[in-house]
Amino acid sequence: MLPGFKSNNHTTVFLLLKTGQQPFCDISPFILILAMTHPTPETTPDPTPDEQPAPGRTMDILEIMSLLPHRYPFLLIDRVIEMEPRQRIVAIKNVTINEQFFQGHFPGYPIMPGVLMVEAIAQAGGALLLNEIPDRDSKLMVFTSIENARFRRPVTPGDQLRIEVTVLNWRTRAVKMGGTITVDSKLVCDATVMCQVVPRVAPKAETKVETAE
């Protein structure tokens, strides 16, 4: 140990070097020892993969079609960008002038019908619900109620709907959900819907009637 220095007193050395004062002894060995023993800043290691938050599941149009029985022109969600099982789902619908309903609603002033926005909320919720049903191929999801549906702004061709649905009450075969639709972060529609899973009736087999010639 150098005379007049404490082994844990690094501040004195740095002050001497900064002010240009001449130390009363040779401090070179001390500086060398200080550089070799000065602790490096502690860093917190990144969480292991098991500790990382799991990203929300996404679905493309083919995965959506494997869950929902709807098809053009009545399939009203294009993509799922977030999904937390039994909790919430966020879907996207790109509205284009090619939508069939624009032919008559309204000619020269195309506006997406409000009832179809509520249907889009239900379809997003249906994707969330049917994803939990193992025998969904033999089931259909139907409306049982619509409450407090409000339409804030018109939706026109070129808009992208962000459909966010949150579960309010979950049962085995039914769910109550609150849904909102925004365009460019502006609320255009919100509603509370209830849906229920029911058996899908098998199509009746055609019977041939033979006639005598």
Protein backbone atom coordinates (compact mmCIF):
# COMPACT_ATOMS: atom_id res chain seq x y z
CA MET A 1 0.00 0.00 0.00
CA LEU A 2 1.36 3.47 -0.82
CA PRO A 3 2.02 5.90 2.05
CA GLY A 4 -0.95 8.15 2.72
CA PHE A 5 -3.36 6.21 0.51
CA LYS A 6 -6.14 3.90 1.46
CA SER A 7 -6.61 0.88 -0.73
CA ASN A 8 -10.25 1.74 -1.36
CA ASN A 9 -9.77 5.49 -1.88
CA HIS A 10 -9.68 5.91 -5.67
CA THR A 11 -11.06 9.45 -5.56
CA THR A 12 -7.80 10.98 -4.28
CA VAL A 13 -5.82 9.64 -7.24
CA PHE A 14 -8.33 10.89 -9.81
CA LEU A 15 -8.46 14.35 -8.20
CA LEU A 16 -4.70 14.65 -8.30
CA LEU A 17 -4.57 13.69 -11.96
CA LYS A 18 -7.45 16.02 -12.88
CA THR A 19 -6.05 19.09 -11.06
CA GLY A 20 -2.46 18.51 -12.13
CA GLN A 21 -1.15 18.53 -8.58
CA GLN A 22 2.06 16.70 -7.93
CA PRO A 23 1.49 13.69 -5.64
CA PHE A 24 3.88 13.30 -2.73
CA CYS A 25 4.99 9.92 -4.03
CA ASP A 26 5.07 7.90 -7.21
CA ILE A 27 1.51 6.72 -7.87
CA SER A 28 2.21 4.80 -11.08
CA PRO A 29 2.11 1.38 -9.40
CA PHE A 30 -1.12 2.36 -7.72
CA ILE A 31 -2.72 3.41 -11.02
CA LEU A 32 -1.67 0.11 -12.62
CA ILE A 33 -3.14 -1.88 -9.74
CA LEU A 34 -6.28 0.26 -9.85
CA ALA A 35 -6.78 -0.41 -13.55
CA MET A 36 -6.35 -4.14 -13.06
CA THR A 37 -8.65 -4.40 -10.08
CA HIS A 38 -11.33 -1.78 -10.90
CA PRO A 39 -14.59 -3.71 -11.25
CA THR A 40 -16.42 -3.57 -14.55
CA PRO A 41 -20.05 -2.39 -14.51
CA GLU A 42 -22.44 -5.16 -13.74
CA THR A 43 -24.88 -6.00 -16.51
CA THR A 44 -28.13 -7.83 -16.12
CA PRO A 45 -28.20 -10.88 -18.37
CA ASP A 46 -31.00 -11.16 -20.87
CA PRO A 47 -33.86 -13.37 -19.78
CA THR A 48 -33.71 -16.91 -20.95
CA PRO A 49 -36.11 -17.89 -23.74
CA ASP A 50 -38.41 -19.45 -21.14
CA GLU A 51 -38.61 -16.11 -19.33
CA GLN A 52 -39.35 -14.04 -22.44
CA PRO A 53 -42.99 -12.96 -22.78
CA ALA A 54 -44.71 -15.15 -25.33
CA PRO A 55 -45.79 -13.19 -28.40
CA GLY A 56 -49.49 -13.11 -29.19
CA ARG A 57 -50.50 -15.62 -31.82
CA THR A 58 -51.23 -14.39 -35.33
CA MET A 59 -53.27 -15.98 -38.12
CA ASP A 60 -53.32 -15.51 -41.87
CA ILE A 61 -56.42 -15.82 -44.03
CA LEU A 62 -56.02 -19.58 -44.53
CA GLU A 63 -55.86 -20.20 -40.78
CA ILE A 64 -58.91 -17.98 -40.30
CA MET A 65 -60.81 -19.96 -42.94
CA SER A 66 -59.92 -23.18 -41.15
CA LEU A 67 -61.78 -21.84 -38.08
CA LEU A 68 -64.66 -19.84 -39.55
CA PRO A 69 -67.18 -21.29 -42.00
CA HIS A 70 -67.74 -17.87 -43.63
CA ARG A 71 -66.64 -17.33 -47.21
CA TYR A 72 -66.68 -14.49 -49.73
CA PRO A 73 -68.50 -12.17 -49.76
CA PHE A 74 -69.26 -12.61 -46.06
CA LEU A 75 -65.83 -13.31 -44.59
CA LEU A 76 -65.06 -9.97 -42.96
CA ILE A 77 -61.64 -10.39 -41.33
CA ASP A 78 -58.42 -10.74 -43.31
CA ARG A 79 -55.77 -11.27 -40.67
CA VAL A 80 -55.31 -11.75 -36.92
CA ILE A 81 -52.40 -9.76 -35.52
CA GLU A 82 -52.82 -10.47 -31.80
CA MET A 83 -54.56 -13.18 -29.84
CA GLU A 84 -54.61 -14.13 -26.16
CA PRO A 85 -56.66 -17.32 -25.69
CA ARG A 86 -59.97 -16.72 -23.92
CA GLN A 87 -59.06 -13.07 -23.36
CA ARG A 88 -58.76 -10.90 -26.46
CA ILE A 89 -58.14 -10.82 -30.19
CA VAL A 90 -57.19 -8.13 -32.69
CA ALA A 91 -58.04 -8.60 -36.36
CA ILE A 92 -57.63 -6.54 -39.53
CA LYS A 93 -60.13 -5.98 -42.33
CA ASN A 94 -59.04 -4.15 -45.47
CA VAL A 95 -62.04 -2.46 -47.05
CA THR A 96 -61.89 -2.13 -50.84
CA ILE A 97 -64.26 -0.86 -53.52
CA ASN A 98 -64.58 -4.48 -54.70
CA GLU A 99 -66.74 -5.35 -51.67
CA GLN A 100 -70.03 -6.66 -53.01
CA PHE A 101 -72.17 -4.57 -50.68
CA PHE A 102 -70.84 -1.32 -52.16
CA GLN A 103 -72.79 -2.02 -55.34
CA GLY A 104 -75.97 -1.00 -53.60
CA HIS A 105 -74.82 0.75 -50.38
CA PHE A 106 -74.79 3.39 -51.80
CA PRO A 107 -74.26 3.98 -55.55
CA GLY A 108 -72.00 7.01 -55.87
CA TYR A 109 -71.44 7.21 -52.11
CA PRO A 110 -70.05 3.88 -50.85
CA ILE A 111 -70.40 3.34 -47.09
CA MET A 112 -69.86 0.04 -45.28
CA PRO A 113 -73.12 -1.02 -43.58
CA GLY A 114 -72.97 -0.75 -39.81
CA VAL A 115 -74.44 -4.21 -39.35
CA LEU A 116 -71.45 -5.65 -41.21
CA MET A 117 -69.07 -3.92 -38.83
CA VAL A 118 -70.87 -5.64 -35.96
CA GLU A 119 -70.61 -8.88 -37.94
CA ALA A 120 -66.84 -8.31 -38.26
CA ILE A 121 -66.63 -7.96 -34.47
CA ALA A 122 -68.53 -11.23 -34.10
CA GLN A 123 -66.30 -13.02 -36.61
CA ALA A 124 -63.16 -11.90 -34.79
CA GLY A 125 -64.68 -13.14 -31.54
CA GLY A 126 -65.71 -16.34 -33.29
CA ALA A 127 -62.12 -17.02 -34.30
CA LEU A 128 -61.15 -16.62 -30.65
CA LEU A 129 -63.98 -18.87 -29.45
CA LEU A 130 -63.77 -21.60 -32.08
CA ASN A 131 -60.03 -21.88 -31.56
CA GLU A 132 -60.88 -23.41 -28.15
CA ILE A 133 -63.48 -25.87 -29.50
CA PRO A 134 -61.92 -29.24 -30.43
CA ASP A 135 -64.88 -30.41 -32.52
CA ARG A 136 -65.42 -27.09 -34.30
CA ASP A 137 -65.80 -28.75 -37.71
CA SER A 138 -69.23 -29.92 -36.60
CA LYS A 139 -70.21 -26.61 -34.98
CA LEU A 140 -71.45 -23.16 -35.99
CA MET A 141 -71.21 -19.91 -34.08
CA VAL A 142 -74.37 -17.80 -34.04
CA PHE A 143 -75.45 -14.45 -32.57
CA THR A 144 -77.60 -14.53 -29.45
CA SER A 145 -77.62 -10.81 -28.69
CA ILE A 146 -76.24 -7.41 -29.73
CA GLU A 147 -76.14 -4.58 -27.20
CA ASN A 148 -75.17 -0.91 -27.29
CA ALA A 149 -74.06 -0.91 -30.92
CA ARG A 150 -72.91 2.57 -31.91
CA PHE A 151 -71.54 3.83 -35.19
CA ARG A 152 -69.32 6.87 -34.88
CA ARG A 153 -67.89 7.49 -38.36
CA PRO A 154 -68.54 6.19 -41.88
CA VAL A 155 -66.24 3.48 -43.25
CA THR A 156 -65.39 3.89 -46.94
CA PRO A 157 -63.22 2.07 -49.52
CA GLY A 158 -59.53 2.26 -48.64
CA ASP A 159 -60.05 2.13 -44.88
CA GLN A 160 -58.35 -0.52 -42.77
CA LEU A 161 -60.41 -1.70 -39.84
CA ARG A 162 -58.65 -2.64 -36.62
CA ILE A 163 -61.11 -4.91 -34.83
CA GLU A 164 -60.34 -5.47 -31.16
CA VAL A 165 -62.49 -7.85 -29.14
CA THR A 166 -62.21 -8.45 -25.40
CA VAL A 167 -63.92 -11.30 -23.56
CA LEU A 168 -66.35 -10.14 -20.87
CA ASN A 169 -67.77 -13.54 -19.91
CA TRP A 170 -66.55 -16.94 -21.11
CA ARG A 171 -68.51 -20.16 -20.96
CA THR A 172 -67.88 -23.50 -22.56
CA ARG A 173 -70.18 -22.94 -25.53
CA ALA A 174 -70.96 -19.23 -25.30
CA VAL A 175 -69.12 -15.97 -24.83
CA LYS A 176 -69.97 -12.33 -24.22
CA MET A 177 -67.55 -9.88 -25.83
CA GLY A 178 -66.97 -6.17 -26.09
CA GLY A 179 -65.74 -5.07 -29.49
CA THR A 180 -64.34 -1.85 -30.93
CA ILE A 181 -63.37 -0.93 -34.48
CA THR A 182 -60.94 1.86 -35.25
CA VAL A 183 -59.65 3.41 -38.47
CA ASP A 184 -56.40 5.38 -38.17
CA SER A 185 -56.78 5.18 -34.36
CA LYS A 186 -60.24 6.80 -34.55
CA LEU A 187 -63.22 4.90 -33.16
CA VAL A 188 -65.81 4.07 -35.83
CA CYS A 189 -67.90 1.38 -34.13
CA ASP A 190 -68.32 -0.35 -30.79
CA ALA A 191 -70.75 -2.99 -29.58
CA THR A 192 -71.27 -5.76 -27.06
CA VAL A 193 -72.19 -9.10 -28.59
CA MET A 194 -73.03 -12.57 -27.34
CA CYS A 195 -72.34 -15.65 -29.45
CA GLN A 196 -73.06 -19.30 -28.93
CA VAL A 197 -71.69 -22.47 -30.47
CA VAL A 198 -74.40 -24.78 -31.83
CA PRO A 199 -74.27 -28.12 -33.69
CA ARG A 200 -73.95 -27.82 -37.44
CA VAL A 201 -76.82 -29.61 -39.13
CA ALA A 202 -75.55 -32.07 -41.70
CA PRO A 203 -76.89 -31.47 -45.21
CA LYS A 204 -79.68 -33.78 -46.12
CA ALA A 205 -78.76 -36.47 -48.60
CA GLU A 206 -80.45 -36.16 -51.92
CA THR A 207 -82.83 -38.97 -52.73
CA LYS A 208 -83.40 -40.08 -56.23
CA VAL A 209 -86.91 -40.77 -57.32
CA GLU A 210 -87.07 -43.41 -59.99
CA THR A 211 -89.84 -43.11 -62.50
CA ALA A 212 -91.13 -45.91 -64.60
CA GLU A 213 -90.54 -45.45 -68.29
